[in-house]
Amino acid sequence: MDPKTDPAFRYFPTDYRWSMGLLLALNASHHGGAQIDEVNRVGRALQGKIGNDDAWFAEWVAMGDKVEAKGREAEKAGHKHTAAAYLMRACNYYQAGERFLQPKSARGDEVYAKSVKCFADAARMINRPRIESVEVPYKGKSLPALFVHADPAVAGSKPAPAMVYLDGFDVTKEIQYFTGVPDLAARGVACLIVDGPGNGEAVRFRDLPLIAETEDYASAAYEYLATRKEVDAARVGVVALSLGGYYAPRAASLEPRFACSIAWGAQWDYYEVWKKRFDALDSGKLQSLSVPPEHLEWVLGVEGRQAALDKLKKFTLDGIVQKMKCPFLMVHGREDEQIPMATAQKCFDAVGSNRKEFKVFDKDEGGHHHCQVDNVTIGTHYMWDWAADVLKAGT
């Protein structure tokens, strides 16, 4: 979409990746992951360096270090609420910077590990919502996850419904917490946010690359939740964003125990998506992606563009979503610059569920960009209300 006619906030109008990256960080402010002044200071420091991802990394880390230091001072003084607020923001700033770092490095891993510790330390100091760092058993190993408890004032003493929340292509469980999970918990729905293969800690520290068989780790997440006394195993759904528009529908189509599914952003054939992206990059028609293109090879654990494309040939929903039976919601932005509306419509039409809904956000109301990055809350309010209704939260 032409930045000149786009009502969305674009901090770096000439660079799509940087504008969307800053928006993702800034949107976390609604749930304690950012302060407008701090994000603006990073943005101002990056003027004149647009497109230099090393500079992007350095400025975000510098802000993260500054904010974390304040959090650690407050922690030592016994001011837990203040400490948690600073540490949450530090986590988000560290991860905002590290997302674009390619190739990955020991320094990047160090910063990422700091971010995870900041979030975990903050979570232990927060009472509402209650957050636990947990491990999900998976094929003789385990996947790192965050279990966010349903608000007891809504859920009461009975087991609550829950959503499994899977990462997208280039985000993490901590970043996803800031997209609105506290609002889901406030509706009486628990949430298990999982770093699956190819994402977050799983790919950085556990040598688990991205796989097409989402149902394998989605089922593991379901089975973990079924062991929790706080959760009603008959009311567990699955949601995922961006590439998660492949993950969540596939998981719900092949794991019949899921009670509902939300695709936050559509997918259909991920091989075709990347084939077109590479062709557009090579021809000069496309200048910027949401992350550096090398990110694809890294998450798949392969070297070379062709090897990555070969892996992606299995990432298709055709022949899969036709099997879905549970209630399904697809949410998409009409001006999504990554996945066109025609692709979203194709997937939605193929879904086999009797109860399905397609919500499209337009430019006039906002939320018209990819996964509502221009207005995250407009998307999450819609999704979480739908999930609470389908799962009968609070009953």
Protein backbone atom coordinates (compact mmCIF):
# COMPACT_ATOMS: atom_id res chain seq x y z
CA MET A 1 0.00 0.00 0.00
CA ASP A 2 1.29 3.47 -0.89
CA PRO A 3 2.59 5.10 2.33
CA LYS A 4 1.26 8.45 1.09
CA THR A 5 -2.34 7.24 1.21
CA ASP A 6 -1.98 4.87 4.15
CA PRO A 7 -3.55 6.23 7.37
CA ALA A 8 -1.48 3.78 9.44
CA PHE A 9 1.53 5.04 11.42
CA ARG A 10 4.72 4.44 9.42
CA TYR A 11 7.77 5.65 11.33
CA PHE A 12 10.08 4.84 8.41
CA PRO A 13 7.92 5.43 5.30
CA THR A 14 10.61 4.25 2.89
CA ASP A 15 11.24 0.92 4.68
CA TYR A 16 8.40 -1.56 5.18
CA ARG A 17 10.37 -3.92 7.46
CA TRP A 18 11.51 -1.20 9.83
CA SER A 19 8.11 0.48 9.97
CA MET A 20 6.32 -2.78 10.75
CA GLY A 21 9.04 -3.81 13.21
CA LEU A 22 8.71 -0.58 15.15
CA LEU A 23 4.91 -0.87 15.11
CA LEU A 24 5.12 -4.40 16.50
CA ALA A 25 7.28 -3.15 19.36
CA LEU A 26 5.09 -0.10 19.98
CA ASN A 27 1.86 -2.11 20.02
CA ALA A 28 3.19 -3.94 23.08
CA SER A 29 2.65 -0.76 25.09
CA HIS A 30 -0.97 -1.77 25.71
CA HIS A 31 0.26 -4.71 27.80
CA GLY A 32 3.39 -3.27 29.37
CA GLY A 33 5.90 -4.12 26.66
CA ALA A 34 6.79 -0.59 25.59
CA GLN A 35 6.70 3.11 26.41
CA ILE A 36 6.08 5.52 23.55
CA ASP A 37 8.95 7.81 24.58
CA GLU A 38 11.45 4.95 24.74
CA VAL A 39 10.39 3.60 21.35
CA ASN A 40 10.52 7.11 19.87
CA ARG A 41 14.06 7.61 21.20
CA VAL A 42 15.13 4.42 19.43
CA GLY A 43 13.40 5.53 16.26
CA ARG A 44 15.03 8.96 16.34
CA ALA A 45 18.45 7.43 16.89
CA LEU A 46 17.91 5.29 13.78
CA GLN A 47 17.04 8.17 11.45
CA GLY A 48 19.74 8.32 8.81
CA LYS A 49 20.55 4.63 9.29
CA ILE A 50 17.43 3.18 7.65
CA GLY A 51 17.99 -0.34 6.36
CA ASN A 52 21.11 -0.95 8.48
CA ASP A 53 19.96 -3.91 10.57
CA ASP A 54 23.16 -3.89 12.64
CA ALA A 55 22.32 -0.34 13.73
CA TRP A 56 18.74 -1.45 14.43
CA PHE A 57 20.04 -4.20 16.70
CA ALA A 58 22.47 -1.90 18.50
CA GLU A 59 19.94 0.84 19.28
CA TRP A 60 17.26 -1.51 20.56
CA VAL A 61 19.78 -3.36 22.73
CA ALA A 62 21.07 -0.07 24.12
CA MET A 63 17.55 0.87 25.16
CA GLY A 64 16.97 -2.61 26.54
CA ASP A 65 20.11 -2.36 28.65
CA LYS A 66 19.07 1.04 29.99
CA VAL A 67 15.58 -0.12 30.91
CA GLU A 68 16.75 -3.45 32.35
CA ALA A 69 19.23 -1.63 34.62
CA LYS A 70 16.38 0.39 36.09
CA GLY A 71 14.39 -2.77 36.59
CA ARG A 72 17.23 -4.50 38.41
CA GLU A 73 17.67 -1.47 40.69
CA ALA A 74 13.97 -1.56 41.56
CA GLU A 75 14.16 -5.31 42.13
CA LYS A 76 17.02 -4.89 44.62
CA ALA A 77 15.04 -2.20 46.43
CA GLY A 78 12.09 -4.56 46.78
CA HIS A 79 9.81 -2.60 44.42
CA LYS A 80 8.47 -5.59 42.53
CA HIS A 81 5.76 -3.87 40.50
CA THR A 82 8.20 -1.28 39.20
CA ALA A 83 10.85 -3.91 38.53
CA ALA A 84 8.44 -6.08 36.58
CA ALA A 85 7.32 -3.14 34.44
CA TYR A 86 10.89 -2.28 33.45
CA LEU A 87 11.90 -5.89 32.84
CA MET A 88 8.89 -6.55 30.60
CA ARG A 89 9.84 -3.59 28.43
CA ALA A 90 13.50 -4.60 28.35
CA CYS A 91 12.51 -8.05 27.12
CA ASN A 92 10.48 -6.60 24.28
CA TYR A 93 13.21 -4.15 23.24
CA TYR A 94 15.86 -6.87 23.19
CA GLN A 95 13.68 -9.08 21.02
CA ALA A 96 12.66 -6.22 18.73
CA GLY A 97 16.34 -5.69 17.97
CA GLU A 98 17.32 -9.33 17.62
CA ARG A 99 14.50 -10.22 15.21
CA PHE A 100 16.27 -8.70 12.20
CA LEU A 101 19.75 -9.95 13.04
CA GLN A 102 21.11 -12.11 10.21
CA PRO A 103 23.26 -14.07 10.32
CA LYS A 104 22.51 -15.02 13.91
CA SER A 105 25.46 -14.62 16.26
CA ALA A 106 26.75 -15.40 19.73
CA ARG A 107 26.05 -11.78 20.68
CA GLY A 108 22.49 -12.11 19.41
CA ASP A 109 22.00 -15.31 21.41
CA GLU A 110 23.31 -13.57 24.50
CA VAL A 111 20.84 -10.72 24.09
CA TYR A 112 18.01 -13.13 23.38
CA ALA A 113 18.78 -15.14 26.52
CA LYS A 114 18.72 -11.89 28.50
CA SER A 115 15.30 -11.12 27.08
CA VAL A 116 13.88 -14.47 28.14
CA LYS A 117 15.28 -14.05 31.65
CA CYS A 118 13.86 -10.52 31.90
CA PHE A 119 10.40 -11.78 31.03
CA ALA A 120 10.57 -14.80 33.35
CA ASP A 121 11.82 -12.67 36.24
CA ALA A 122 9.07 -10.12 35.66
CA ALA A 123 6.42 -12.81 35.40
CA ARG A 124 7.28 -14.09 38.86
CA MET A 125 6.55 -10.62 40.25
CA ILE A 126 3.19 -10.20 38.52
CA ASN A 127 0.00 -11.38 40.18
CA ARG A 128 -2.49 -10.61 37.43
CA PRO A 129 -2.45 -12.31 35.11
CA ARG A 130 -0.52 -15.14 36.70
CA ILE A 131 2.20 -16.36 34.34
CA GLU A 132 4.27 -19.55 34.60
CA SER A 133 7.31 -20.51 32.52
CA VAL A 134 6.69 -24.19 31.67
CA GLU A 135 8.02 -27.02 29.53
CA VAL A 136 5.83 -28.98 27.11
CA PRO A 137 7.01 -32.59 26.59
CA TYR A 138 7.73 -33.15 22.90
CA LYS A 139 9.36 -36.18 21.23
CA GLY A 140 11.73 -36.93 24.08
CA LYS A 141 12.58 -33.25 24.44
CA SER A 142 10.47 -30.29 25.50
CA LEU A 143 9.25 -26.98 24.15
CA PRO A 144 9.48 -23.77 26.19
CA ALA A 145 6.14 -22.16 26.85
CA LEU A 146 4.27 -19.63 28.97
CA PHE A 147 1.12 -20.72 30.78
CA VAL A 148 -1.09 -17.72 31.48
CA HIS A 149 -3.83 -18.49 33.97
CA ALA A 150 -7.44 -17.47 33.38
CA ASP A 151 -8.61 -14.67 35.64
CA PRO A 152 -10.12 -16.47 38.64
CA ALA A 153 -12.69 -13.70 39.08
CA VAL A 154 -14.19 -14.79 35.75
CA ALA A 155 -13.26 -18.47 35.56
CA GLY A 156 -14.26 -19.19 39.17
CA SER A 157 -13.16 -22.42 40.80
CA LYS A 158 -14.07 -24.66 37.85
CA PRO A 159 -11.60 -25.72 35.14
CA ALA A 160 -11.36 -22.95 32.55
CA PRO A 161 -11.22 -23.05 28.77
CA ALA A 162 -7.84 -22.42 27.17
CA MET A 163 -6.16 -21.51 23.90
CA VAL A 164 -2.89 -22.91 22.59
CA TYR A 165 -1.10 -19.94 21.01
CA LEU A 166 1.57 -20.89 18.46
CA ASP A 167 4.24 -18.51 17.13
CA GLY A 168 4.28 -17.19 13.59
CA PHE A 169 7.28 -17.09 11.24
CA ASP A 170 9.46 -14.60 13.08
CA VAL A 171 7.96 -13.89 16.51
CA THR A 172 8.22 -15.52 19.92
CA LYS A 173 6.18 -16.49 22.95
CA GLU A 174 7.20 -13.29 24.76
CA ILE A 175 6.27 -11.04 21.84
CA GLN A 176 2.97 -12.88 21.51
CA TYR A 177 2.17 -12.31 25.17
CA PHE A 178 2.27 -8.57 24.42
CA THR A 179 -0.19 -8.93 21.52
CA GLY A 180 -3.07 -9.23 23.96
CA VAL A 181 -2.90 -12.41 26.01
CA PRO A 182 -3.72 -10.55 29.27
CA ASP A 183 -7.03 -9.54 27.66
CA LEU A 184 -7.75 -13.18 26.83
CA ALA A 185 -7.03 -14.21 30.44
CA ALA A 186 -9.31 -11.41 31.65
CA ARG A 187 -12.14 -13.07 29.70
CA GLY A 188 -11.68 -16.26 31.71
CA VAL A 189 -9.64 -18.12 29.08
CA ALA A 190 -6.22 -19.53 29.95
CA CYS A 191 -3.45 -19.47 27.34
CA LEU A 192 -0.44 -21.64 26.60
CA ILE A 193 2.00 -19.68 24.40
CA VAL A 194 4.47 -22.09 22.81
CA ASP A 195 7.84 -21.59 21.13
CA GLY A 196 7.37 -24.37 18.60
CA PRO A 197 10.03 -25.74 16.23
CA GLY A 198 11.56 -22.90 14.22
CA ASN A 199 10.65 -20.22 16.76
CA GLY A 200 12.03 -18.49 19.82
CA GLU A 201 14.10 -20.58 22.19
CA ALA A 202 13.26 -23.78 20.30
CA VAL A 203 15.28 -22.80 17.23
CA ARG A 204 17.91 -20.69 18.99
CA PHE A 205 18.85 -22.93 21.88
CA ARG A 206 17.30 -26.37 21.28
CA ASP A 207 18.18 -27.14 17.67
CA LEU A 208 14.53 -27.56 16.63
CA PRO A 209 13.99 -26.19 13.09
CA LEU A 210 10.62 -25.40 11.55
CA ILE A 211 8.57 -28.37 10.35
CA ALA A 212 5.42 -28.68 8.26
CA GLU A 213 3.74 -31.09 10.67
CA THR A 214 2.29 -28.51 13.05
CA GLU A 215 -0.10 -31.06 14.48
CA ASP A 216 2.83 -32.86 16.15
CA TYR A 217 3.66 -30.05 18.55
CA ALA A 218 0.13 -28.67 18.70
CA SER A 219 -1.03 -32.06 19.96
CA ALA A 220 1.78 -32.06 22.50
CA ALA A 221 0.59 -28.66 23.71
CA TYR A 222 -2.98 -29.93 23.95
CA GLU A 223 -1.88 -32.95 25.94
CA TYR A 224 0.09 -30.75 28.32
CA LEU A 225 -2.96 -28.58 28.96
CA ALA A 226 -5.08 -31.68 29.52
CA THR A 227 -2.86 -32.47 32.53
CA ARG A 228 -3.53 -29.10 34.15
CA LYS A 229 -6.28 -29.17 36.75
CA GLU A 230 -7.05 -25.51 35.95
CA VAL A 231 -8.02 -26.38 32.36
CA ASP A 232 -11.13 -28.00 30.89
CA ALA A 233 -9.68 -30.34 28.26
CA ALA A 234 -12.97 -30.32 26.34
CA ARG A 235 -12.66 -26.55 25.77
CA VAL A 236 -9.17 -26.06 24.32
CA GLY A 237 -8.70 -24.15 21.07
CA VAL A 238 -5.70 -23.16 18.97
CA VAL A 239 -4.66 -19.78 17.56
CA ALA A 240 -1.61 -18.54 15.68
CA LEU A 241 -0.65 -15.43 13.71
CA SER A 242 0.99 -14.69 10.37
CA LEU A 243 2.53 -17.99 9.22
CA GLY A 244 0.34 -19.25 12.04
CA GLY A 245 -2.44 -18.95 9.48
CA TYR A 246 -0.95 -22.25 8.33
CA TYR A 247 -0.22 -23.64 11.82
CA ALA A 248 -3.60 -23.21 13.53
CA PRO A 249 -5.86 -24.46 10.70
CA ARG A 250 -3.61 -27.45 10.07
CA ALA A 251 -3.48 -28.30 13.77
CA ALA A 252 -7.26 -28.11 14.16
CA SER A 253 -7.83 -30.12 10.99
CA LEU A 254 -5.58 -33.00 12.07
CA GLU A 255 -6.03 -32.87 15.86
CA PRO A 256 -9.78 -33.40 16.48
CA ARG A 257 -9.55 -32.62 20.20
CA PHE A 258 -9.26 -28.89 19.52
CA ALA A 259 -12.56 -27.15 20.22
CA CYS A 260 -11.95 -24.19 17.89
CA SER A 261 -9.31 -22.59 15.69
CA ILE A 262 -8.32 -19.00 14.84
CA ALA A 263 -6.10 -18.06 11.91
CA TRP A 264 -4.78 -14.59 12.67
CA GLY A 265 -3.77 -13.83 9.12
CA ALA A 266 -4.28 -16.29 6.28
CA GLN A 267 -2.04 -18.78 4.52
CA TRP A 268 -2.56 -21.39 1.83
CA ASP A 269 0.61 -22.48 0.03
CA TYR A 270 3.78 -21.19 1.70
CA TYR A 271 6.02 -22.43 -1.10
CA GLU A 272 4.17 -20.20 -3.56
CA VAL A 273 4.41 -17.27 -1.15
CA TRP A 274 8.19 -17.48 -1.00
CA LYS A 275 8.64 -18.31 -4.68
CA LYS A 276 6.81 -15.09 -5.55
CA ARG A 277 8.76 -13.13 -2.94
CA PHE A 278 12.12 -14.28 -4.30
CA ASP A 279 11.06 -13.53 -7.87
CA ALA A 280 9.94 -10.04 -6.83
CA LEU A 281 13.18 -9.41 -4.91
CA ASP A 282 15.27 -10.56 -7.88
CA SER A 283 13.36 -8.34 -10.31
CA GLY A 284 13.52 -5.29 -8.05
CA LYS A 285 9.73 -5.11 -7.70
CA LEU A 286 10.01 -5.81 -3.97
CA GLN A 287 12.47 -3.92 -1.80
CA SER A 288 11.77 -5.20 1.71
CA LEU A 289 10.26 -8.16 3.55
CA SER A 290 9.06 -8.34 7.16
CA VAL A 291 12.46 -9.89 8.06
CA PRO A 292 15.65 -10.45 6.08
CA PRO A 293 15.11 -13.25 3.50
CA GLU A 294 17.93 -15.29 5.10
CA HIS A 295 15.61 -15.83 8.06
CA LEU A 296 13.82 -18.50 6.01
CA GLU A 297 16.91 -20.69 5.67
CA TRP A 298 17.75 -20.25 9.34
CA VAL A 299 14.38 -21.33 10.73
CA LEU A 300 14.26 -24.32 8.39
CA GLY A 301 17.82 -25.35 9.29
CA VAL A 302 19.05 -25.44 5.69
CA GLU A 303 21.56 -23.59 3.55
CA GLY A 304 20.59 -22.01 0.28
CA ARG A 305 17.41 -20.65 -1.24
CA GLN A 306 16.56 -23.78 -3.21
CA ALA A 307 16.95 -26.02 -0.18
CA ALA A 308 14.55 -23.76 1.70
CA LEU A 309 12.01 -23.79 -1.14
CA ASP A 310 12.21 -27.57 -1.33
CA LYS A 311 11.34 -27.78 2.38
CA LEU A 312 8.38 -25.46 1.87
CA LYS A 313 6.68 -27.70 -0.68
CA LYS A 314 5.01 -29.54 2.22
CA PHE A 315 3.62 -26.31 3.70
CA THR A 316 0.23 -26.38 1.99
CA LEU A 317 -3.27 -26.44 3.44
CA ASP A 318 -4.95 -27.93 0.39
CA GLY A 319 -6.33 -31.34 1.29
CA ILE A 320 -5.92 -30.51 4.98
CA VAL A 321 -8.38 -27.79 5.98
CA GLN A 322 -11.19 -29.57 4.18
CA LYS A 323 -11.04 -32.02 7.12
CA MET A 324 -11.64 -29.39 9.80
CA LYS A 325 -14.77 -29.87 11.90
CA CYS A 326 -14.44 -27.40 14.79
CA PRO A 327 -15.58 -23.75 14.74
CA PHE A 328 -13.13 -21.60 12.77
CA LEU A 329 -12.36 -17.88 12.59
CA MET A 330 -10.11 -16.23 10.03
CA VAL A 331 -9.01 -12.62 10.61
CA HIS A 332 -7.27 -10.68 7.84
CA GLY A 333 -6.37 -7.13 6.84
CA ARG A 334 -7.69 -6.02 3.47
CA GLU A 335 -4.45 -4.19 2.65
CA ASP A 336 -2.16 -6.98 3.89
CA GLU A 337 1.07 -6.52 1.91
CA GLN A 338 2.33 -10.02 2.64
CA ILE A 339 -0.68 -12.24 1.94
CA PRO A 340 -3.33 -10.99 -0.53
CA MET A 341 -7.06 -11.20 0.09
CA ALA A 342 -7.47 -13.74 -2.72
CA THR A 343 -5.27 -16.19 -0.82
CA ALA A 344 -7.23 -15.65 2.38
CA GLN A 345 -10.53 -16.20 0.58
CA LYS A 346 -9.22 -19.38 -1.06
CA CYS A 347 -8.28 -20.87 2.30
CA PHE A 348 -11.50 -19.81 4.00
CA ASP A 349 -13.65 -21.30 1.24
CA ALA A 350 -11.82 -24.63 1.57
CA VAL A 351 -12.28 -25.00 5.33
CA GLY A 352 -14.69 -27.85 6.04
CA SER A 353 -16.16 -26.56 9.30
CA ASN A 354 -19.90 -25.94 9.39
CA ARG A 355 -19.36 -22.98 11.71
CA LYS A 356 -16.81 -20.61 10.22
CA GLU A 357 -16.39 -16.84 10.05
CA PHE A 358 -14.17 -14.55 7.98
CA LYS A 359 -13.50 -11.12 9.50
CA VAL A 360 -11.77 -8.58 7.24
CA PHE A 361 -10.54 -5.24 8.60
CA ASP A 362 -10.66 -2.31 6.19
CA LYS A 363 -8.65 0.90 5.94
CA ASP A 364 -11.45 3.05 7.31
CA GLU A 365 -11.67 1.16 10.62
CA GLY A 366 -7.98 0.29 10.95
CA GLY A 367 -6.34 -3.08 11.33
CA HIS A 368 -6.00 -3.28 7.54
CA HIS A 369 -2.34 -4.34 7.60
CA HIS A 370 -0.80 -7.76 8.15
CA CYS A 371 -2.17 -9.27 11.39
CA GLN A 372 -3.50 -5.83 12.36
CA VAL A 373 0.02 -4.59 13.14
CA ASP A 374 -1.32 -1.06 12.62
CA ASN A 375 -3.91 -1.61 15.39
CA VAL A 376 -3.36 -4.88 17.23
CA THR A 377 -6.13 -4.43 19.78
CA ILE A 378 -8.84 -4.16 17.13
CA GLY A 379 -7.86 -7.66 16.06
CA THR A 380 -7.39 -9.21 19.48
CA HIS A 381 -10.65 -7.85 20.90
CA TYR A 382 -12.52 -9.43 18.00
CA MET A 383 -10.72 -12.77 18.29
CA TRP A 384 -10.84 -13.05 22.04
CA ASP A 385 -14.56 -12.22 22.16
CA TRP A 386 -15.18 -14.90 19.56
CA ALA A 387 -13.07 -17.45 21.44
CA ALA A 388 -14.75 -16.65 24.76
CA ASP A 389 -18.17 -17.11 23.16
CA VAL A 390 -17.28 -20.38 21.41
CA LEU A 391 -15.57 -21.83 24.48
CA LYS A 392 -18.27 -20.49 26.80
CA ALA A 393 -15.79 -18.76 29.09
CA GLY A 394 -17.02 -17.94 32.57
CA THR A 395 -19.62 -20.72 32.56
